Amino acid sequence: MIAGKEAGSRHFERGAALPQFLQFDGEPSLSGWGSIANSRSTFEEQLGKSGWTYFFLAGTIKTAAYGFNRQTALDSALKQLAKNVRSQECNSFEITDVATRQFSGVFRVTVSAHARHFQEGR
C-alpha cells in the first residue's frame, strides 16, 4: 500500500485554514491535498490544546475507479473522493477502507472515507 493512501490516513486541503501543529508528509500524493505526519495520539492531544474543532460528517463516501494499473486506478478514485469532499464544503477526509479487485488485467479500486472539517473554535 502506498503511504498516505491506506485506511486511517487523513488528508487535508492545502491552503485551507488549519492549525499550525499539522505537519504534512513530504510531497502531496493528491493534487491540492496533503496527508499528515502526526501520529493519531499526537494529533488528538495537540487538537485538544489548540482550540480547533475537527468534526466528522455522518455517512460514508465511496468512490471506485478502473484501470490497467492499480496505482492509476487508486489515484483516480482519490481524485473523485476529493472532489466529493469539496462539494460538501469540507477541508479534510479520512480513508476508512481501500479495496482492490482484478479481473482480466483490469483493476477496480474502491475507496471509502468520511468527510471531515477543521475550523477554529467550537
PDB file of N, CA and C in Angstrom:
ATOM      1  N   MET A   1       0.854  -1.189   0.000  1.00  0.00           N
ATOM      2  CA  MET A   1       0.000   0.000   0.000  1.00  0.00           C
ATOM      3  C   MET A   1       0.887   1.235   0.000  1.00  0.00           C
ATOM      4  N   ILE A   2       0.488   2.248  -0.711  1.00  0.00           N
ATOM      5  CA  ILE A   2       1.233   3.496  -0.804  1.00  0.00           C
ATOM      6  C   ILE A   2       0.992   4.312   0.468  1.00  0.00           C
ATOM      7  N   ALA A   3       2.063   4.820   1.072  1.00  0.00           N
ATOM      8  CA  ALA A   3       1.926   5.619   2.293  1.00  0.00           C
ATOM      9  C   ALA A   3       0.982   6.786   2.068  1.00  0.00           C
ATOM     10  N   GLY A   4       0.089   7.008   3.031  1.00  0.00           N
ATOM     11  CA  GLY A   4      -0.858   8.110   2.937  1.00  0.00           C
ATOM     12  C   GLY A   4      -2.104   7.771   2.137  1.00  0.00           C
ATOM     13  N   LYS A   5      -2.150   6.566   1.581  1.00  0.00           N
ATOM     14  CA  LYS A   5      -3.299   6.168   0.775  1.00  0.00           C
ATOM     15  C   LYS A   5      -3.921   4.882   1.309  1.00  0.00           C
ATOM     16  N   GLU A   6      -3.825   4.695   2.616  1.00  0.00           N
ATOM     17  CA  GLU A   6      -4.374   3.494   3.224  1.00  0.00           C
ATOM     18  C   GLU A   6      -5.421   3.871   4.263  1.00  0.00           C
ATOM     19  N   ALA A   7      -6.158   2.865   4.719  1.00  0.00           N
ATOM     20  CA  ALA A   7      -7.185   3.103   5.741  1.00  0.00           C
ATOM     21  C   ALA A   7      -6.546   3.762   6.958  1.00  0.00           C
ATOM     22  N   GLY A   8      -7.229   4.774   7.492  1.00  0.00           N
ATOM     23  CA  GLY A   8      -6.742   5.505   8.652  1.00  0.00           C
ATOM     24  C   GLY A   8      -5.982   6.764   8.296  1.00  0.00           C
ATOM     25  N   SER A   9      -5.574   6.909   7.029  1.00  0.00           N
ATOM     26  CA  SER A   9      -4.838   8.123   6.671  1.00  0.00           C
ATOM     27  C   SER A   9      -5.801   9.305   6.571  1.00  0.00           C
ATOM     28  N   ARG A  10      -5.311  10.465   6.996  1.00  0.00           N
ATOM     29  CA  ARG A  10      -6.113  11.689   6.972  1.00  0.00           C
ATOM     30  C   ARG A  10      -5.493  12.665   5.985  1.00  0.00           C
ATOM     31  N   HIS A  11      -6.349  13.300   5.210  1.00  0.00           N
ATOM     32  CA  HIS A  11      -5.903  14.219   4.164  1.00  0.00           C
ATOM     33  C   HIS A  11      -6.563  15.576   4.381  1.00  0.00           C
ATOM     34  N   PHE A  12      -5.778  16.623   4.161  1.00  0.00           N
ATOM     35  CA  PHE A  12      -6.243  17.987   4.390  1.00  0.00           C
ATOM     36  C   PHE A  12      -5.985  18.815   3.150  1.00  0.00           C
ATOM     37  N   GLU A  13      -6.925  19.684   2.859  1.00  0.00           N
ATOM     38  CA  GLU A  13      -6.795  20.544   1.698  1.00  0.00           C
ATOM     39  C   GLU A  13      -5.685  21.558   1.964  1.00  0.00           C
ATOM     40  N   ARG A  14      -4.717  21.595   1.079  1.00  0.00           N
ATOM     41  CA  ARG A  14      -3.622  22.565   1.220  1.00  0.00           C
ATOM     42  C   ARG A  14      -4.178  23.955   0.926  1.00  0.00           C
ATOM     43  N   GLY A  15      -3.806  24.915   1.724  1.00  0.00           N
ATOM     44  CA  GLY A  15      -4.310  26.271   1.549  1.00  0.00           C
ATOM     45  C   GLY A  15      -5.511  26.578   2.424  1.00  0.00           C
ATOM     46  N   ALA A  16      -6.143  25.556   2.984  1.00  0.00           N
ATOM     47  CA  ALA A  16      -7.268  25.777   3.905  1.00  0.00           C
ATOM     48  C   ALA A  16      -6.697  26.258   5.241  1.00  0.00           C
ATOM     49  N   ALA A  17      -7.501  26.977   5.998  1.00  0.00           N
ATOM     50  CA  ALA A  17      -7.083  27.407   7.336  1.00  0.00           C
ATOM     51  C   ALA A  17      -6.992  26.167   8.218  1.00  0.00           C
ATOM     52  N   LEU A  18      -5.787  25.879   8.680  1.00  0.00           N
ATOM     53  CA  LEU A  18      -5.549  24.698   9.506  1.00  0.00           C
ATOM     54  C   LEU A  18      -4.664  25.074  10.694  1.00  0.00           C
ATOM     55  N   PRO A  19      -4.737  24.318  11.780  1.00  0.00           N
ATOM     56  CA  PRO A  19      -3.880  24.610  12.928  1.00  0.00           C
ATOM     57  C   PRO A  19      -2.403  24.448  12.566  1.00  0.00           C
ATOM     58  N   GLN A  20      -1.567  25.214  13.239  1.00  0.00           N
ATOM     59  CA  GLN A  20      -0.135  25.198  12.950  1.00  0.00           C
ATOM     60  C   GLN A  20       0.543  23.879  13.286  1.00  0.00           C
ATOM     61  N   PHE A  21      -0.023  23.086  14.186  1.00  0.00           N
ATOM     62  CA  PHE A  21       0.652  21.855  14.584  1.00  0.00           C
ATOM     63  C   PHE A  21       0.626  20.767  13.515  1.00  0.00           C
ATOM     64  N   LEU A  22      -0.211  20.914  12.491  1.00  0.00           N
ATOM     65  CA  LEU A  22      -0.268  19.888  11.449  1.00  0.00           C
ATOM     66  C   LEU A  22       1.034  19.871  10.664  1.00  0.00           C
ATOM     67  N   GLN A  23       1.583  18.686  10.484  1.00  0.00           N
ATOM     68  CA  GLN A  23       2.808  18.511   9.718  1.00  0.00           C
ATOM     69  C   GLN A  23       2.485  17.613   8.535  1.00  0.00           C
ATOM     70  N   PHE A  24       2.582  18.166   7.332  1.00  0.00           N
ATOM     71  CA  PHE A  24       2.292  17.379   6.140  1.00  0.00           C
ATOM     72  C   PHE A  24       3.450  16.426   5.836  1.00  0.00           C
ATOM     73  N   ASP A  25       3.096  15.230   5.356  1.00  0.00           N
ATOM     74  CA  ASP A  25       4.093  14.279   4.867  1.00  0.00           C
ATOM     75  C   ASP A  25       4.620  14.787   3.538  1.00  0.00           C
ATOM     76  N   GLY A  26       5.898  14.951   3.388  1.00  0.00           N
ATOM     77  CA  GLY A  26       6.557  15.250   2.119  1.00  0.00           C
ATOM     78  C   GLY A  26       5.705  15.903   1.049  1.00  0.00           C
ATOM     79  N   GLU A  27       5.807  15.374  -0.147  1.00  0.00           N
ATOM     80  CA  GLU A  27       5.088  15.900  -1.300  1.00  0.00           C
ATOM     81  C   GLU A  27       3.632  15.410  -1.282  1.00  0.00           C
ATOM     82  N   PRO A  28       2.705  16.239  -1.764  1.00  0.00           N
ATOM     83  CA  PRO A  28       1.310  15.801  -1.785  1.00  0.00           C
ATOM     84  C   PRO A  28       1.132  14.612  -2.728  1.00  0.00           C
ATOM     85  N   SER A  29       0.395  13.624  -2.271  1.00  0.00           N
ATOM     86  CA  SER A  29       0.127  12.448  -3.100  1.00  0.00           C
ATOM     87  C   SER A  29      -1.118  12.663  -3.953  1.00  0.00           C
ATOM     88  N   LEU A  30      -1.837  13.712  -3.652  1.00  0.00           N
ATOM     89  CA  LEU A  30      -3.063  14.046  -4.355  1.00  0.00           C
ATOM     90  C   LEU A  30      -3.048  15.558  -4.552  1.00  0.00           C
ATOM     91  N   SER A  31      -3.177  16.000  -5.772  1.00  0.00           N
ATOM     92  CA  SER A  31      -3.052  17.416  -6.093  1.00  0.00           C
ATOM     93  C   SER A  31      -3.967  18.282  -5.215  1.00  0.00           C
ATOM     94  N   GLY A  32      -3.369  19.231  -4.502  1.00  0.00           N
ATOM     95  CA  GLY A  32      -4.127  20.149  -3.659  1.00  0.00           C
ATOM     96  C   GLY A  32      -4.425  19.623  -2.269  1.00  0.00           C
ATOM     97  N   TRP A  33      -4.039  18.385  -1.990  1.00  0.00           N
ATOM     98  CA  TRP A  33      -4.296  17.763  -0.692  1.00  0.00           C
ATOM     99  C   TRP A  33      -3.000  17.184  -0.161  1.00  0.00           C
ATOM    100  N   GLY A  34      -2.859  17.171   1.149  1.00  0.00           N
ATOM    101  CA  GLY A  34      -1.698  16.556   1.766  1.00  0.00           C
ATOM    102  C   GLY A  34      -2.122  15.654   2.900  1.00  0.00           C
ATOM    103  N   SER A  35      -1.344  14.604   3.118  1.00  0.00           N
ATOM    104  CA  SER A  35      -1.609  13.753   4.284  1.00  0.00           C
ATOM    105  C   SER A  35      -0.701  14.249   5.398  1.00  0.00           C
ATOM    106  N   ILE A  36      -1.022  13.909   6.624  1.00  0.00           N
ATOM    107  CA  ILE A  36      -0.259  14.448   7.745  1.00  0.00           C
ATOM    108  C   ILE A  36       0.667  13.408   8.369  1.00  0.00           C
ATOM    109  N   ALA A  37       1.747  13.926   8.933  1.00  0.00           N
ATOM    110  CA  ALA A  37       2.753  13.076   9.554  1.00  0.00           C
ATOM    111  C   ALA A  37       2.435  12.786  11.020  1.00  0.00           C
ATOM    112  N   ASN A  38       1.598  13.609  11.656  1.00  0.00           N
ATOM    113  CA  ASN A  38       1.300  13.439  13.079  1.00  0.00           C
ATOM    114  C   ASN A  38       0.676  12.067  13.337  1.00  0.00           C
ATOM    115  N   SER A  39       1.159  11.380  14.370  1.00  0.00           N
ATOM    116  CA  SER A  39       0.532  10.120  14.743  1.00  0.00           C
ATOM    117  C   SER A  39      -0.849  10.423  15.318  1.00  0.00           C
ATOM    118  N   ARG A  40      -1.709   9.433  15.356  1.00  0.00           N
ATOM    119  CA  ARG A  40      -3.068   9.641  15.855  1.00  0.00           C
ATOM    120  C   ARG A  40      -3.059  10.178  17.287  1.00  0.00           C
ATOM    121  N   SER A  41      -2.241   9.607  18.159  1.00  0.00           N
ATOM    122  CA  SER A  41      -2.239  10.061  19.557  1.00  0.00           C
ATOM    123  C   SER A  41      -1.710  11.492  19.668  1.00  0.00           C
ATOM    124  N   THR A  42      -0.653  11.820  18.949  1.00  0.00           N
ATOM    125  CA  THR A  42      -0.103  13.180  18.948  1.00  0.00           C
ATOM    126  C   THR A  42      -1.119  14.154  18.378  1.00  0.00           C
ATOM    127  N   PHE A  43      -1.754  13.760  17.287  1.00  0.00           N
ATOM    128  CA  PHE A  43      -2.753  14.601  16.625  1.00  0.00           C
ATOM    129  C   PHE A  43      -3.889  14.945  17.579  1.00  0.00           C
ATOM    130  N   GLU A  44      -4.452  13.941  18.236  1.00  0.00           N
ATOM    131  CA  GLU A  44      -5.581  14.161  19.136  1.00  0.00           C
ATOM    132  C   GLU A  44      -5.187  14.991  20.353  1.00  0.00           C
ATOM    133  N   GLU A  45      -3.985  14.775  20.876  1.00  0.00           N
ATOM    134  CA  GLU A  45      -3.511  15.559  22.024  1.00  0.00           C
ATOM    135  C   GLU A  45      -3.349  17.027  21.628  1.00  0.00           C
ATOM    136  N   GLN A  46      -2.707  17.270  20.495  1.00  0.00           N
ATOM    137  CA  GLN A  46      -2.492  18.640  20.040  1.00  0.00           C
ATOM    138  C   GLN A  46      -3.806  19.320  19.677  1.00  0.00           C
ATOM    139  N   LEU A  47      -4.713  18.576  19.111  1.00  0.00           N
ATOM    140  CA  LEU A  47      -6.021  19.125  18.744  1.00  0.00           C
ATOM    141  C   LEU A  47      -6.739  19.633  19.987  1.00  0.00           C
ATOM    142  N   GLY A  48      -6.697  18.856  21.067  1.00  0.00           N
ATOM    143  CA  GLY A  48      -7.354  19.255  22.316  1.00  0.00           C
ATOM    144  C   GLY A  48      -6.806  20.550  22.890  1.00  0.00           C
ATOM    145  N   LYS A  49      -5.532  20.812  22.675  1.00  0.00           N
ATOM    146  CA  LYS A  49      -4.882  22.011  23.207  1.00  0.00           C
ATOM    147  C   LYS A  49      -4.989  23.212  22.265  1.00  0.00           C
ATOM    148  N   SER A  50      -5.323  22.992  21.030  1.00  0.00           N
ATOM    149  CA  SER A  50      -5.200  24.031  20.002  1.00  0.00           C
ATOM    150  C   SER A  50      -6.357  25.018  19.912  1.00  0.00           C
ATOM    151  N   GLY A  51      -7.538  24.623  20.417  1.00  0.00           N
ATOM    152  CA  GLY A  51      -8.701  25.488  20.270  1.00  0.00           C
ATOM    153  C   GLY A  51      -9.392  25.316  18.921  1.00  0.00           C
ATOM    154  N   TRP A  52      -9.012  24.280  18.186  1.00  0.00           N
ATOM    155  CA  TRP A  52      -9.644  23.973  16.905  1.00  0.00           C
ATOM    156  C   TRP A  52     -10.609  22.812  17.076  1.00  0.00           C
ATOM    157  N   THR A  53     -11.583  22.731  16.176  1.00  0.00           N
ATOM    158  CA  THR A  53     -12.539  21.629  16.167  1.00  0.00           C
ATOM    159  C   THR A  53     -12.374  20.862  14.868  1.00  0.00           C
ATOM    160  N   TYR A  54     -12.359  19.551  14.981  1.00  0.00           N
ATOM    161  CA  TYR A  54     -12.223  18.665  13.814  1.00  0.00           C
ATOM    162  C   TYR A  54     -13.444  17.766  13.836  1.00  0.00           C
ATOM    163  N   PHE A  55     -14.452  18.110  13.048  1.00  0.00           N
ATOM    164  CA  PHE A  55     -15.677  17.329  13.159  1.00  0.00           C
ATOM    165  C   PHE A  55     -15.878  16.392  11.987  1.00  0.00           C
ATOM    166  N   PHE A  56     -16.722  15.440  12.233  1.00  0.00           N
ATOM    167  CA  PHE A  56     -16.955  14.290  11.383  1.00  0.00           C
ATOM    168  C   PHE A  56     -18.343  14.397  10.782  1.00  0.00           C
ATOM    169  N   LEU A  57     -18.469  14.215   9.481  1.00  0.00           N
ATOM    170  CA  LEU A  57     -19.785  14.197   8.849  1.00  0.00           C
ATOM    171  C   LEU A  57     -20.264  12.757   8.749  1.00  0.00           C
ATOM    172  N   ALA A  58     -21.482  12.518   9.183  1.00  0.00           N
ATOM    173  CA  ALA A  58     -22.041  11.165   9.151  1.00  0.00           C
ATOM    174  C   ALA A  58     -22.168  10.690   7.712  1.00  0.00           C
ATOM    175  N   GLY A  59     -22.083   9.419   7.538  1.00  0.00           N
ATOM    176  CA  GLY A  59     -22.216   8.822   6.213  1.00  0.00           C
ATOM    177  C   GLY A  59     -20.861   8.578   5.586  1.00  0.00           C
ATOM    178  N   THR A  60     -20.792   7.511   4.851  1.00  0.00           N
ATOM    179  CA  THR A  60     -19.555   7.135   4.176  1.00  0.00           C
ATOM    180  C   THR A  60     -19.609   7.579   2.724  1.00  0.00           C
ATOM    181  N   ILE A  61     -18.494   8.107   2.244  1.00  0.00           N
ATOM    182  CA  ILE A  61     -18.349   8.433   0.831  1.00  0.00           C
ATOM    183  C   ILE A  61     -17.594   7.268   0.209  1.00  0.00           C
ATOM    184  N   LYS A  62     -18.085   6.765  -0.896  1.00  0.00           N
ATOM    185  CA  LYS A  62     -17.433   5.642  -1.548  1.00  0.00           C
ATOM    186  C   LYS A  62     -17.249   5.971  -3.026  1.00  0.00           C
ATOM    187  N   THR A  63     -16.019   5.812  -3.524  1.00  0.00           N
ATOM    188  CA  THR A  63     -15.753   6.023  -4.942  1.00  0.00           C
ATOM    189  C   THR A  63     -15.020   4.806  -5.490  1.00  0.00           C
ATOM    190  N   ALA A  64     -15.166   4.584  -6.777  1.00  0.00           N
ATOM    191  CA  ALA A  64     -14.480   3.467  -7.428  1.00  0.00           C
ATOM    192  C   ALA A  64     -13.925   3.944  -8.756  1.00  0.00           C
ATOM    193  N   ALA A  65     -12.819   3.331  -9.144  1.00  0.00           N
ATOM    194  CA  ALA A  65     -12.207   3.655 -10.430  1.00  0.00           C
ATOM    195  C   ALA A  65     -11.585   2.389 -11.009  1.00  0.00           C
ATOM    196  N   TYR A  66     -11.450   2.379 -12.327  1.00  0.00           N
ATOM    197  CA  TYR A  66     -10.898   1.237 -13.048  1.00  0.00           C
ATOM    198  C   TYR A  66      -9.629   1.654 -13.773  1.00  0.00           C
ATOM    199  N   GLY A  67      -8.730   0.693 -13.974  1.00  0.00           N
ATOM    200  CA  GLY A  67      -7.530   0.963 -14.742  1.00  0.00           C
ATOM    201  C   GLY A  67      -6.720  -0.296 -14.941  1.00  0.00           C
ATOM    202  N   PHE A  68      -5.781  -0.221 -15.883  1.00  0.00           N
ATOM    203  CA  PHE A  68      -4.905  -1.361 -16.140  1.00  0.00           C
ATOM    204  C   PHE A  68      -3.726  -1.378 -15.163  1.00  0.00           C
ATOM    205  N   ASN A  69      -3.639  -0.337 -14.356  1.00  0.00           N
ATOM    206  CA  ASN A  69      -2.591  -0.205 -13.353  1.00  0.00           C
ATOM    207  C   ASN A  69      -3.269   0.130 -12.031  1.00  0.00           C
ATOM    208  N   ARG A  70      -2.920  -0.590 -10.963  1.00  0.00           N
ATOM    209  CA  ARG A  70      -3.562  -0.378  -9.667  1.00  0.00           C
ATOM    210  C   ARG A  70      -3.363   1.048  -9.167  1.00  0.00           C
ATOM    211  N   GLN A  71      -2.150   1.570  -9.292  1.00  0.00           N
ATOM    212  CA  GLN A  71      -1.849   2.916  -8.796  1.00  0.00           C
ATOM    213  C   GLN A  71      -2.666   3.972  -9.529  1.00  0.00           C
ATOM    214  N   THR A  72      -2.807   3.833 -10.825  1.00  0.00           N
ATOM    215  CA  THR A  72      -3.597   4.785 -11.618  1.00  0.00           C
ATOM    216  C   THR A  72      -5.058   4.751 -11.198  1.00  0.00           C
ATOM    217  N   ALA A  73      -5.591   3.555 -10.981  1.00  0.00           N
ATOM    218  CA  ALA A  73      -6.983   3.419 -10.552  1.00  0.00           C
ATOM    219  C   ALA A  73      -7.168   4.026  -9.156  1.00  0.00           C
ATOM    220  N   LEU A  74      -6.208   3.798  -8.253  1.00  0.00           N
ATOM    221  CA  LEU A  74      -6.278   4.360  -6.901  1.00  0.00           C
ATOM    222  C   LEU A  74      -6.244   5.882  -6.954  1.00  0.00           C
ATOM    223  N   ASP A  75      -5.337   6.437  -7.745  1.00  0.00           N
ATOM    224  CA  ASP A  75      -5.247   7.895  -7.869  1.00  0.00           C
ATOM    225  C   ASP A  75      -6.541   8.486  -8.409  1.00  0.00           C
ATOM    226  N   SER A  76      -7.136   7.825  -9.364  1.00  0.00           N
ATOM    227  CA  SER A  76      -8.398   8.297  -9.944  1.00  0.00           C
ATOM    228  C   SER A  76      -9.526   8.259  -8.918  1.00  0.00           C
ATOM    229  N   ALA A  77      -9.596   7.185  -8.141  1.00  0.00           N
ATOM    230  CA  ALA A  77     -10.630   7.071  -7.097  1.00  0.00           C
ATOM    231  C   ALA A  77     -10.440   8.163  -6.043  1.00  0.00           C
ATOM    232  N   LEU A  78      -9.198   8.459  -5.675  1.00  0.00           N
ATOM    233  CA  LEU A  78      -8.925   9.509  -4.687  1.00  0.00           C
ATOM    234  C   LEU A  78      -9.282  10.894  -5.216  1.00  0.00           C
ATOM    235  N   LYS A  79      -9.040  11.143  -6.493  1.00  0.00           N
ATOM    236  CA  LYS A  79      -9.420  12.431  -7.096  1.00  0.00           C
ATOM    237  C   LYS A  79     -10.936  12.618  -7.036  1.00  0.00           C
ATOM    238  N   GLN A  80     -11.688  11.558  -7.344  1.00  0.00           N
ATOM    239  CA  GLN A  80     -13.147  11.621  -7.269  1.00  0.00           C
ATOM    240  C   GLN A  80     -13.589  11.875  -5.837  1.00  0.00           C
ATOM    241  N   LEU A  81     -12.934  11.218  -4.899  1.00  0.00           N
ATOM    242  CA  LEU A  81     -13.257  11.371  -3.482  1.00  0.00           C
ATOM    243  C   LEU A  81     -13.015  12.819  -3.032  1.00  0.00           C
ATOM    244  N   ALA A  82     -11.870  13.372  -3.391  1.00  0.00           N
ATOM    245  CA  ALA A  82     -11.540  14.753  -3.010  1.00  0.00           C
ATOM    246  C   ALA A  82     -12.554  15.736  -3.587  1.00  0.00           C
ATOM    247  N   LYS A  83     -12.984  15.507  -4.804  1.00  0.00           N
ATOM    248  CA  LYS A  83     -13.994  16.366  -5.447  1.00  0.00           C
ATOM    249  C   LYS A  83     -15.306  16.303  -4.660  1.00  0.00           C
ATOM    250  N   ASN A  84     -15.679  15.117  -4.237  1.00  0.00           N
ATOM    251  CA  ASN A  84     -16.902  14.929  -3.455  1.00  0.00           C
ATOM    252  C   ASN A  84     -16.803  15.643  -2.106  1.00  0.00           C
ATOM    253  N   VAL A  85     -15.655  15.541  -1.452  1.00  0.00           N
ATOM    254  CA  VAL A  85     -15.450  16.196  -0.158  1.00  0.00           C
ATOM    255  C   VAL A  85     -15.547  17.710  -0.306  1.00  0.00           C
ATOM    256  N   ARG A  86     -14.924  18.254  -1.341  1.00  0.00           N
ATOM    257  CA  ARG A  86     -15.004  19.700  -1.585  1.00  0.00           C
ATOM    258  C   ARG A  86     -16.444  20.135  -1.821  1.00  0.00           C
ATOM    259  N   SER A  87     -17.213  19.324  -2.526  1.00  0.00           N
ATOM    260  CA  SER A  87     -18.607  19.687  -2.805  1.00  0.00           C
ATOM    261  C   SER A  87     -19.439  19.749  -1.526  1.00  0.00           C
ATOM    262  N   GLN A  88     -18.987  19.071  -0.471  1.00  0.00           N
ATOM    263  CA  GLN A  88     -19.655  19.125   0.832  1.00  0.00           C
ATOM    264  C   GLN A  88     -19.093  20.257   1.698  1.00  0.00           C
ATOM    265  N   GLU A  89     -18.227  21.076   1.097  1.00  0.00           N
ATOM    266  CA  GLU A  89     -17.591  22.209   1.773  1.00  0.00           C
ATOM    267  C   GLU A  89     -16.786  21.778   2.996  1.00  0.00           C
ATOM    268  N   CYS A  90     -16.103  20.661   2.853  1.00  0.00           N
ATOM    269  CA  CYS A  90     -15.219  20.163   3.903  1.00  0.00           C
ATOM    270  C   CYS A  90     -13.776  20.307   3.436  1.00  0.00           C
ATOM    271  N   ASN A  91     -12.847  20.368   4.391  1.00  0.00           N
ATOM    272  CA  ASN A  91     -11.450  20.550   4.048  1.00  0.00           C
ATOM    273  C   ASN A  91     -10.574  19.360   4.434  1.00  0.00           C
ATOM    274  N   SER A  92     -11.217  18.224   4.709  1.00  0.00           N
ATOM    275  CA  SER A  92     -10.460  17.059   5.131  1.00  0.00           C
ATOM    276  C   SER A  92     -11.278  15.783   4.899  1.00  0.00           C
ATOM    277  N   PHE A  93     -10.573  14.674   4.802  1.00  0.00           N
ATOM    278  CA  PHE A  93     -11.250  13.374   4.785  1.00  0.00           C
ATOM    279  C   PHE A  93     -10.325  12.329   5.394  1.00  0.00           C
ATOM    280  N   GLU A  94     -10.944  11.283   5.918  1.00  0.00           N
ATOM    281  CA  GLU A  94     -10.200  10.171   6.487  1.00  0.00           C
ATOM    282  C   GLU A  94     -10.602   8.904   5.758  1.00  0.00           C
ATOM    283  N   ILE A  95      -9.624   8.236   5.190  1.00  0.00           N
ATOM    284  CA  ILE A  95      -9.884   6.996   4.453  1.00  0.00           C
ATOM    285  C   ILE A  95     -10.204   5.891   5.456  1.00  0.00           C
ATOM    286  N   THR A  96     -11.300   5.172   5.212  1.00  0.00           N
ATOM    287  CA  THR A  96     -11.683   4.080   6.109  1.00  0.00           C
ATOM    288  C   THR A  96     -11.417   2.708   5.495  1.00  0.00           C
ATOM    289  N   ASP A  97     -11.367   2.640   4.154  1.00  0.00           N
ATOM    290  CA  ASP A  97     -11.125   1.343   3.508  1.00  0.00           C
ATOM    291  C   ASP A  97     -10.661   1.553   2.075  1.00  0.00           C
ATOM    292  N   VAL A  98      -9.735   0.704   1.644  1.00  0.00           N
ATOM    293  CA  VAL A  98      -9.303   0.658   0.249  1.00  0.00           C
ATOM    294  C   VAL A  98      -9.366  -0.806  -0.163  1.00  0.00           C
ATOM    295  N   ALA A  99     -10.148  -1.093  -1.191  1.00  0.00           N
ATOM    296  CA  ALA A  99     -10.291  -2.468  -1.670  1.00  0.00           C
ATOM    297  C   ALA A  99      -9.929  -2.529  -3.147  1.00  0.00           C
ATOM    298  N   THR A 100      -9.192  -3.569  -3.516  1.00  0.00           N
ATOM    299  CA  THR A 100      -8.772  -3.743  -4.903  1.00  0.00           C
ATOM    300  C   THR A 100      -9.205  -5.118  -5.394  1.00  0.00           C
ATOM    301  N   ARG A 101      -9.738  -5.133  -6.582  1.00  0.00           N
ATOM    302  CA  ARG A 101     -10.079  -6.389  -7.252  1.00  0.00           C
ATOM    303  C   ARG A 101      -9.494  -6.320  -8.653  1.00  0.00           C
ATOM    304  N   GLN A 102      -9.133  -7.471  -9.177  1.00  0.00           N
ATOM    305  CA  GLN A 102      -8.582  -7.520 -10.524  1.00  0.00           C
ATOM    306  C   GLN A 102      -9.270  -8.632 -11.304  1.00  0.00           C
ATOM    307  N   PHE A 103      -9.628  -8.304 -12.539  1.00  0.00           N
ATOM    308  CA  PHE A 103     -10.252  -9.289 -13.414  1.00  0.00           C
ATOM    309  C   PHE A 103      -9.758  -9.031 -14.833  1.00  0.00           C
ATOM    310  N   SER A 104      -9.206 -10.032 -15.444  1.00  0.00           N
ATOM    311  CA  SER A 104      -8.699  -9.942 -16.824  1.00  0.00           C
ATOM    312  C   SER A 104      -7.768  -8.746 -17.027  1.00  0.00           C
ATOM    313  N   GLY A 105      -6.909  -8.498 -16.056  1.00  0.00           N
ATOM    314  CA  GLY A 105      -5.924  -7.433 -16.169  1.00  0.00           C
ATOM    315  C   GLY A 105      -6.430  -6.036 -15.871  1.00  0.00           C
ATOM    316  N   VAL A 106      -7.710  -5.916 -15.476  1.00  0.00           N
ATOM    317  CA  VAL A 106      -8.268  -4.606 -15.141  1.00  0.00           C
ATOM    318  C   VAL A 106      -8.463  -4.538 -13.624  1.00  0.00           C
ATOM    319  N   PHE A 107      -7.956  -3.464 -13.039  1.00  0.00           N
ATOM    320  CA  PHE A 107      -8.091  -3.253 -11.601  1.00  0.00           C
ATOM    321  C   PHE A 107      -9.322  -2.407 -11.315  1.00  0.00           C
ATOM    322  N   ARG A 108     -10.018  -2.769 -10.256  1.00  0.00           N
ATOM    323  CA  ARG A 108     -11.105  -1.940  -9.726  1.00  0.00           C
ATOM    324  C   ARG A 108     -10.724  -1.596  -8.300  1.00  0.00           C
ATOM    325  N   VAL A 109     -10.522  -0.310  -8.053  1.00  0.00           N
ATOM    326  CA  VAL A 109     -10.148   0.141  -6.716  1.00  0.00           C
ATOM    327  C   VAL A 109     -11.318   0.930  -6.146  1.00  0.00           C
ATOM    328  N   THR A 110     -11.762   0.540  -4.957  1.00  0.00           N
ATOM    329  CA  THR A 110     -12.832   1.236  -4.253  1.00  0.00           C
ATOM    330  C   THR A 110     -12.247   1.861  -2.997  1.00  0.00           C
ATOM    331  N   VAL A 111     -12.517   3.157  -2.813  1.00  0.00           N
ATOM    332  CA  VAL A 111     -12.038   3.872  -1.629  1.00  0.00           C
ATOM    333  C   VAL A 111     -13.253   4.376  -0.857  1.00  0.00           C
ATOM    334  N   SER A 112     -13.282   4.079   0.433  1.00  0.00           N
ATOM    335  CA  SER A 112     -14.339   4.569   1.326  1.00  0.00           C
ATOM    336  C   SER A 112     -13.706   5.549   2.302  1.00  0.00           C
ATOM    337  N   ALA A 113     -14.445   6.612   2.617  1.00  0.00           N
ATOM    338  CA  ALA A 113     -13.904   7.637   3.522  1.00  0.00           C
ATOM    339  C   ALA A 113     -15.030   8.392   4.198  1.00  0.00           C
ATOM    340  N   HIS A 114     -14.649   9.175   5.185  1.00  0.00           N
ATOM    341  CA  HIS A 114     -15.568  10.095   5.855  1.00  0.00           C
ATOM    342  C   HIS A 114     -15.074  11.500   5.604  1.00  0.00           C
ATOM    343  N   ALA A 115     -15.974  12.395   5.220  1.00  0.00           N
ATOM    344  CA  ALA A 115     -15.634  13.808   5.094  1.00  0.00           C
ATOM    345  C   ALA A 115     -15.479  14.363   6.497  1.00  0.00           C
ATOM    346  N   ARG A 116     -14.472  15.205   6.684  1.00  0.00           N
ATOM    347  CA  ARG A 116     -14.222  15.835   7.975  1.00  0.00           C
ATOM    348  C   ARG A 116     -13.928  17.302   7.714  1.00  0.00           C
ATOM    349  N   HIS A 117     -14.008  18.109   8.765  1.00  0.00           N
ATOM    350  CA  HIS A 117     -13.777  19.536   8.579  1.00  0.00           C
ATOM    351  C   HIS A 117     -13.100  20.130   9.799  1.00  0.00           C
ATOM    352  N   PHE A 118     -12.092  20.966   9.549  1.00  0.00           N
ATOM    353  CA  PHE A 118     -11.404  21.719  10.575  1.00  0.00           C
ATOM    354  C   PHE A 118     -11.945  23.122  10.611  1.00  0.00           C
ATOM    355  N   GLN A 119     -12.129  23.630  11.801  1.00  0.00           N
ATOM    356  CA  GLN A 119     -12.451  25.053  11.942  1.00  0.00           C
ATOM    357  C   GLN A 119     -11.907  25.525  13.278  1.00  0.00           C
ATOM    358  N   GLU A 120     -11.561  26.803  13.315  1.00  0.00           N
ATOM    359  CA  GLU A 120     -11.031  27.361  14.538  1.00  0.00           C
ATOM    360  C   GLU A 120     -12.180  27.608  15.502  1.00  0.00           C
ATOM    361  N   GLY A 121     -11.989  27.244  16.765  1.00  0.00           N
ATOM    362  CA  GLY A 121     -13.030  27.415  17.780  1.00  0.00           C
ATOM    363  C   GLY A 121     -14.031  26.278  17.762  1.00  0.00           C
ATOM    364  N   ARG A 122     -15.132  26.502  18.422  1.00  0.00           N
ATOM    365  CA  ARG A 122     -16.166  25.462  18.524  1.00  0.00           C
ATOM    366  C   ARG A 122     -17.135  25.651  17.453  1.00  0.00           C
TER     367      ARG A 122
END
